[in-house]
Amino acid sequence: MIALDPAANRPQFINVRVKRQDGPGQEPYWQLFKIDYEPELNVISVLQRIAALSKTSDGKKVTPVVWDCGCLEEVCGACTMQINGRVRQSCSALVDQLLKDNADEIVLEPMSKFPVLRDLMVDRRRLFKALEKVKAWVPVDSYYNMGPGERQLRATQEQNYPLSQCMSCGCCVDACPQYNKIELERKKDETEEEFKKREEKAWDKAFVGPHAISQAMLFNNHPTGKSIAGERLDALTAPGGIQACGNAQNCVAVCPKEIPLTTSIARAGRATTIHTIKKWFEK
C-alpha cells in the first residue's frame, strides 16, 4: 500500500509495477519500483525517475526501463503503452489522476498487438505499412507552380480536420479485437530479405486497422488526394480491408485525439460498396 502523508493528505511514495522483457521473443517478467511522490507528474516523468534510480523497490540494481517517447505533448504518438490496463499516451497520463483510480500502484505494460523490442518499446512497423497499403498521402507529380488548387467547402474542411489529427499512435489498433498480434520468428536458413518479405505478406493479409481506414477517407476527400481514390478503395476491399472490421467501436473509445473513427469506417463501408458495384458494371 502507498504510505500517506497525514499532514499533506498525499502519498509519500508511488509504487510502479512494470512488465519488462529483455528482447524480442523472450519471456516477460514483472518488476516493482518505488519513487518519491511529486505533484503533477506524468508517466514519462515517472519512468525518468525510475531510470535515474535503476533499482527495484527491494534495492536490487537493474538496467533502466526502456520506453519510447518524442514530443511529450501528445503529438508524435510514440509513447503509447498500457497504463493500468488501458492503452493510452503516457505523456498525457497524469499520476495524480491515476492514483485516484488506483491508490495502490501504477501498472505499466507494452502495447499488446505489436512485438516487444524491449520492456515498453514495441515494433510498430506494421502500423505504418498499413498506411502505405492505403496510400495515405497526397500524390505529387511535379513541383512546379500549377496555380491555385480546388477550393474546399467549409463543411469539407470541418469534416477533414479531425481526421488529420491522427498521429499514428496505435491506441485504436491495440484496443481493436479484430487487430491481432503478428510476431514471426526468422527461420535458420532464411535471409533477412526473405524474412521481411514473409513478414510483410502476413501483415498484408491481416486487418489494416481503423487508423488506415480513416486516413484513406481523409485523403479521398482531399482535392488532390482524391485523384487516386479508386486505388485506396481497392486496398480497402482487399483481404484485411474494411470487411474485417467487426464494429466493436473500441477504437473511437480510446483515441486520444477523439477522432470519429467509426464515422470514417461507416463512410468507407459505403464508398467501397459503391466502388465494387461500379466495377461489376464496368466489366
Protein backbone atom coordinates (compact mmCIF):
# COMPACT_ATOMS: atom_id res chain seq x y z
CA MET A 1 0.00 0.00 0.00
CA ILE A 2 1.11 3.58 -0.60
CA ALA A 3 2.09 5.42 2.58
CA LEU A 4 0.09 8.61 3.05
CA ASP A 5 1.49 11.80 4.47
CA PRO A 6 -1.19 12.75 7.03
CA ALA A 7 -0.20 16.42 7.03
CA ALA A 8 -0.50 16.90 3.28
CA ASN A 9 -3.04 14.13 2.63
CA ARG A 10 -0.95 12.83 -0.25
CA PRO A 11 1.26 9.76 -0.81
CA GLN A 12 4.88 9.79 0.33
CA PHE A 13 5.93 7.44 -2.48
CA ILE A 14 4.50 5.73 -5.57
CA ASN A 15 4.63 2.04 -6.41
CA VAL A 16 5.12 1.39 -10.13
CA ARG A 17 4.86 -2.16 -11.47
CA VAL A 18 6.46 -2.58 -14.91
CA LYS A 19 6.16 -5.53 -17.27
CA ARG A 20 9.66 -6.00 -18.67
CA GLN A 21 11.19 -8.06 -21.47
CA ASP A 22 14.88 -8.25 -22.28
CA GLY A 23 14.45 -8.74 -26.02
CA PRO A 24 12.19 -9.92 -28.86
CA GLY A 25 10.69 -13.35 -28.23
CA GLN A 26 11.96 -13.58 -24.65
CA GLU A 27 9.83 -14.27 -21.60
CA PRO A 28 8.34 -11.19 -19.92
CA TYR A 29 8.64 -10.60 -16.19
CA TRP A 30 7.45 -8.04 -13.65
CA GLN A 31 9.46 -5.64 -11.52
CA LEU A 32 8.22 -3.28 -8.83
CA PHE A 33 9.74 0.18 -8.41
CA LYS A 34 9.21 2.79 -5.74
CA ILE A 35 9.78 6.52 -6.24
CA ASP A 36 9.13 9.56 -4.09
CA TYR A 37 5.85 11.29 -4.76
CA GLU A 38 5.93 14.63 -6.57
CA PRO A 39 2.86 16.61 -7.61
CA GLU A 40 1.86 16.99 -11.27
CA LEU A 41 3.98 14.14 -12.63
CA ASN A 42 3.09 12.29 -15.80
CA VAL A 43 4.05 8.68 -16.59
CA ILE A 44 7.07 9.77 -18.65
CA SER A 45 8.36 11.70 -15.62
CA VAL A 46 7.87 8.57 -13.50
CA LEU A 47 9.89 6.49 -15.97
CA GLN A 48 12.65 9.11 -15.90
CA ARG A 49 12.77 8.89 -12.10
CA ILE A 50 12.92 5.07 -12.33
CA ALA A 51 15.76 5.29 -14.88
CA ALA A 52 17.71 7.60 -12.56
CA LEU A 53 17.33 5.14 -9.65
CA SER A 54 17.85 1.94 -11.68
CA LYS A 55 16.86 -0.25 -8.76
CA THR A 56 13.72 -2.10 -7.74
CA SER A 57 11.70 -1.49 -4.59
CA ASP A 58 13.74 -4.15 -2.74
CA GLY A 59 17.04 -2.42 -3.63
CA LYS A 60 18.13 -4.72 -6.48
CA LYS A 61 20.20 -2.93 -9.14
CA VAL A 62 18.64 -3.32 -12.61
CA THR A 63 19.05 -1.86 -16.07
CA PRO A 64 16.89 1.20 -16.76
CA VAL A 65 13.43 0.53 -18.17
CA VAL A 66 13.28 1.12 -21.93
CA TRP A 67 10.41 3.09 -23.43
CA ASP A 68 9.73 5.28 -26.45
CA CYS A 69 8.80 8.96 -26.50
CA GLY A 70 9.32 12.08 -28.55
CA CYS A 71 7.40 15.32 -28.23
CA LEU A 72 5.96 14.91 -24.70
CA GLU A 73 2.96 16.93 -25.94
CA GLU A 74 0.64 14.20 -27.28
CA VAL A 75 1.59 15.00 -30.88
CA CYS A 76 4.14 12.39 -32.02
CA GLY A 77 2.26 9.28 -30.81
CA ALA A 78 5.46 7.45 -29.85
CA CYS A 79 4.85 6.94 -26.12
CA THR A 80 1.79 4.68 -26.33
CA MET A 81 1.61 1.92 -23.72
CA GLN A 82 -0.91 0.20 -21.48
CA ILE A 83 -1.36 2.07 -18.22
CA ASN A 84 -3.45 0.38 -15.54
CA GLY A 85 -4.84 -1.92 -18.23
CA ARG A 86 -5.85 0.83 -20.66
CA VAL A 87 -3.92 1.78 -23.79
CA ARG A 88 -3.10 5.48 -23.87
CA GLN A 89 -0.39 8.10 -24.28
CA SER A 90 1.99 8.12 -21.33
CA CYS A 91 2.88 11.81 -21.75
CA SER A 92 -0.71 12.86 -21.03
CA ALA A 93 -1.36 10.24 -18.32
CA LEU A 94 -1.20 12.28 -15.10
CA VAL A 95 -0.06 10.43 -11.98
CA ASP A 96 -2.38 12.28 -9.58
CA GLN A 97 -5.39 11.12 -11.60
CA LEU A 98 -4.05 7.57 -11.89
CA LEU A 99 -3.64 7.38 -8.11
CA LYS A 100 -7.26 8.43 -7.67
CA ASP A 101 -8.27 5.45 -9.81
CA ASN A 102 -5.85 3.02 -8.11
CA ALA A 103 -4.03 4.25 -5.00
CA ASP A 104 -2.00 1.04 -4.57
CA GLU A 105 0.19 1.17 -7.68
CA ILE A 106 0.58 2.21 -11.29
CA VAL A 107 0.91 -0.70 -13.71
CA LEU A 108 2.80 -0.18 -16.99
CA GLU A 109 2.78 -2.70 -19.85
CA PRO A 110 3.81 -2.56 -23.51
CA MET A 111 1.18 -2.44 -26.25
CA SER A 112 -0.37 -5.88 -26.71
CA LYS A 113 -0.71 -6.04 -30.52
CA PHE A 114 2.92 -5.42 -31.54
CA PRO A 115 6.12 -7.44 -30.96
CA VAL A 116 8.09 -6.17 -27.97
CA LEU A 117 11.60 -4.94 -28.73
CA ARG A 118 12.46 -4.38 -25.09
CA ASP A 119 10.42 -3.53 -22.00
CA LEU A 120 7.82 -0.92 -23.02
CA MET A 121 9.15 -0.34 -26.55
CA VAL A 122 7.42 -2.19 -29.38
CA ASP A 123 7.91 -2.65 -33.12
CA ARG A 124 5.19 -0.58 -34.83
CA ARG A 125 6.32 -1.08 -38.44
CA ARG A 126 3.08 -2.89 -39.27
CA LEU A 127 1.12 0.22 -38.27
CA PHE A 128 2.92 2.32 -40.87
CA LYS A 129 2.85 -0.43 -43.50
CA ALA A 130 -0.96 -0.27 -43.38
CA LEU A 131 -0.76 3.45 -44.24
CA GLU A 132 1.40 2.55 -47.23
CA LYS A 133 -1.17 -0.05 -48.29
CA VAL A 134 -3.99 2.53 -48.45
CA LYS A 135 -1.66 5.20 -49.92
CA ALA A 136 -2.32 7.66 -47.12
CA TRP A 137 -0.67 10.62 -48.78
CA VAL A 138 -1.31 13.30 -51.39
CA PRO A 139 0.24 12.22 -54.72
CA VAL A 140 2.55 14.81 -56.30
CA ASP A 141 3.64 14.51 -59.94
CA SER A 142 5.77 17.65 -60.03
CA TYR A 143 6.98 20.61 -58.01
CA TYR A 144 6.42 23.45 -60.49
CA ASN A 145 3.73 26.04 -59.89
CA MET A 146 0.40 24.64 -61.11
CA GLY A 147 -1.67 27.56 -59.88
CA PRO A 148 -4.32 27.54 -57.16
CA GLY A 149 -5.88 24.24 -56.24
CA GLU A 150 -9.51 23.28 -56.00
CA ARG A 151 -11.40 25.25 -53.34
CA GLN A 152 -12.82 23.31 -50.41
CA LEU A 153 -16.16 23.93 -48.82
CA ARG A 154 -16.08 24.85 -45.15
CA ALA A 155 -18.14 21.73 -44.37
CA THR A 156 -15.49 19.59 -46.08
CA GLN A 157 -12.70 21.29 -44.15
CA GLU A 158 -14.53 20.68 -40.87
CA GLN A 159 -15.05 17.04 -41.82
CA ASN A 160 -11.38 16.55 -42.72
CA TYR A 161 -9.69 18.39 -39.86
CA PRO A 162 -10.43 15.88 -37.07
CA LEU A 163 -9.11 13.04 -39.27
CA SER A 164 -5.92 14.99 -39.97
CA GLN A 165 -5.06 14.97 -36.26
CA CYS A 166 -4.19 11.26 -36.34
CA MET A 167 -0.65 10.77 -35.02
CA SER A 168 -0.37 7.02 -35.73
CA CYS A 169 -0.06 6.31 -32.01
CA GLY A 170 -1.65 2.85 -32.33
CA CYS A 171 -4.16 3.19 -29.48
CA CYS A 172 -7.05 2.29 -31.80
CA VAL A 173 -5.45 -0.91 -33.12
CA ASP A 174 -4.31 -2.03 -29.68
CA ALA A 175 -7.90 -1.85 -28.44
CA CYS A 176 -9.37 -3.45 -31.59
CA PRO A 177 -10.41 -7.13 -31.20
CA GLN A 178 -10.02 -7.68 -34.97
CA TYR A 179 -6.41 -6.48 -34.99
CA ASN A 180 -4.39 -9.50 -33.89
CA LYS A 181 -0.73 -9.60 -32.92
CA ILE A 182 1.65 -10.93 -35.58
CA GLU A 183 5.07 -11.97 -34.31
CA LEU A 184 7.06 -14.21 -36.65
CA GLU A 185 10.43 -15.84 -35.97
CA ARG A 186 13.17 -15.90 -38.55
CA LYS A 187 13.97 -19.38 -39.80
CA LYS A 188 17.54 -20.67 -39.61
CA ASP A 189 18.00 -20.93 -43.39
CA GLU A 190 16.11 -17.69 -44.12
CA THR A 191 17.83 -14.49 -45.25
CA GLU A 192 16.81 -11.17 -43.75
CA GLU A 193 15.23 -10.15 -47.05
CA GLU A 194 13.18 -13.37 -47.21
CA PHE A 195 12.06 -12.92 -43.62
CA LYS A 196 10.92 -9.33 -44.22
CA LYS A 197 9.01 -10.42 -47.31
CA ARG A 198 7.24 -13.18 -45.33
CA GLU A 199 6.50 -10.74 -42.53
CA GLU A 200 5.01 -8.14 -44.87
CA LYS A 201 2.92 -10.82 -46.57
CA ALA A 202 1.41 -11.74 -43.17
CA TRP A 203 0.73 -8.07 -42.42
CA ASP A 204 -0.89 -7.61 -45.83
CA LYS A 205 -3.45 -10.37 -45.18
CA ALA A 206 -4.34 -9.11 -41.68
CA PHE A 207 -6.72 -6.27 -40.78
CA VAL A 208 -5.30 -2.86 -41.77
CA GLY A 209 -6.80 -1.19 -38.70
CA PRO A 210 -9.13 1.77 -38.11
CA HIS A 211 -6.32 4.32 -38.44
CA ALA A 212 -5.63 3.29 -42.05
CA ILE A 213 -9.34 3.27 -42.96
CA SER A 214 -9.78 6.76 -41.52
CA GLN A 215 -6.72 8.11 -43.34
CA ALA A 216 -7.96 6.64 -46.62
CA MET A 217 -11.21 8.57 -46.13
CA LEU A 218 -9.26 11.73 -45.32
CA PHE A 219 -7.19 11.65 -48.49
CA ASN A 220 -10.12 10.53 -50.67
CA ASN A 221 -11.81 13.76 -49.59
CA HIS A 222 -8.75 15.87 -50.44
CA PRO A 223 -8.79 18.00 -53.66
CA THR A 224 -5.57 16.39 -54.94
CA GLY A 225 -5.61 13.17 -52.94
CA LYS A 226 -8.91 12.05 -54.48
CA SER A 227 -7.14 11.52 -57.82
CA ILE A 228 -6.20 8.01 -56.61
CA ALA A 229 -9.36 7.40 -54.59
CA GLY A 230 -10.08 4.22 -56.55
CA GLU A 231 -6.70 2.72 -55.60
CA ARG A 232 -7.37 3.36 -51.93
CA LEU A 233 -10.82 1.77 -52.17
CA ASP A 234 -9.27 -1.23 -53.93
CA ALA A 235 -6.92 -1.59 -50.96
CA LEU A 236 -9.86 -1.37 -48.54
CA THR A 237 -11.72 -4.15 -50.38
CA ALA A 238 -8.66 -6.42 -50.47
CA PRO A 239 -8.02 -9.07 -47.77
CA GLY A 240 -7.68 -7.38 -44.39
CA GLY A 241 -9.72 -4.39 -45.51
CA ILE A 242 -12.99 -2.85 -44.36
CA GLN A 243 -14.78 -6.22 -44.34
CA ALA A 244 -12.59 -7.36 -41.42
CA CYS A 245 -13.96 -4.64 -39.13
CA GLY A 246 -16.36 -6.05 -36.52
CA ASN A 247 -17.68 -2.61 -35.47
CA ALA A 248 -16.65 -3.15 -31.83
CA GLN A 249 -16.12 0.65 -31.55
CA ASN A 250 -13.24 0.22 -29.09
CA CYS A 251 -11.10 2.35 -31.42
CA VAL A 252 -13.14 5.52 -31.03
CA ALA A 253 -13.37 4.99 -27.25
CA VAL A 254 -9.57 5.05 -26.73
CA CYS A 255 -8.45 7.54 -29.41
CA PRO A 256 -6.55 10.32 -27.57
CA LYS A 257 -7.50 12.83 -30.28
CA GLU A 258 -11.18 11.82 -30.19
CA ILE A 259 -11.15 11.20 -33.95
CA PRO A 260 -14.55 9.97 -35.21
CA LEU A 261 -13.10 6.66 -36.41
CA THR A 262 -16.42 4.83 -36.55
CA THR A 263 -17.80 7.59 -38.79
CA SER A 264 -14.82 7.10 -41.12
CA ILE A 265 -15.41 3.33 -41.09
CA ALA A 266 -19.09 3.85 -41.98
CA ARG A 267 -18.13 6.20 -44.83
CA ALA A 268 -15.55 3.68 -46.04
CA GLY A 269 -18.16 0.89 -46.00
CA ARG A 270 -20.50 2.91 -48.19
CA ALA A 271 -17.69 4.08 -50.53
CA THR A 272 -16.27 0.59 -51.02
CA THR A 273 -19.74 -0.86 -51.69
CA ILE A 274 -20.46 1.72 -54.42
CA HIS A 275 -16.95 1.28 -55.81
CA THR A 276 -17.35 -2.51 -56.05
CA ILE A 277 -20.78 -2.29 -57.71
CA LYS A 278 -19.41 0.18 -60.29
CA LYS A 279 -16.55 -2.20 -61.08
CA TRP A 280 -19.04 -5.02 -61.71
CA PHE A 281 -20.84 -2.94 -64.34
CA GLU A 282 -17.58 -1.83 -65.94
CA LYS A 283 -16.58 -5.43 -66.72
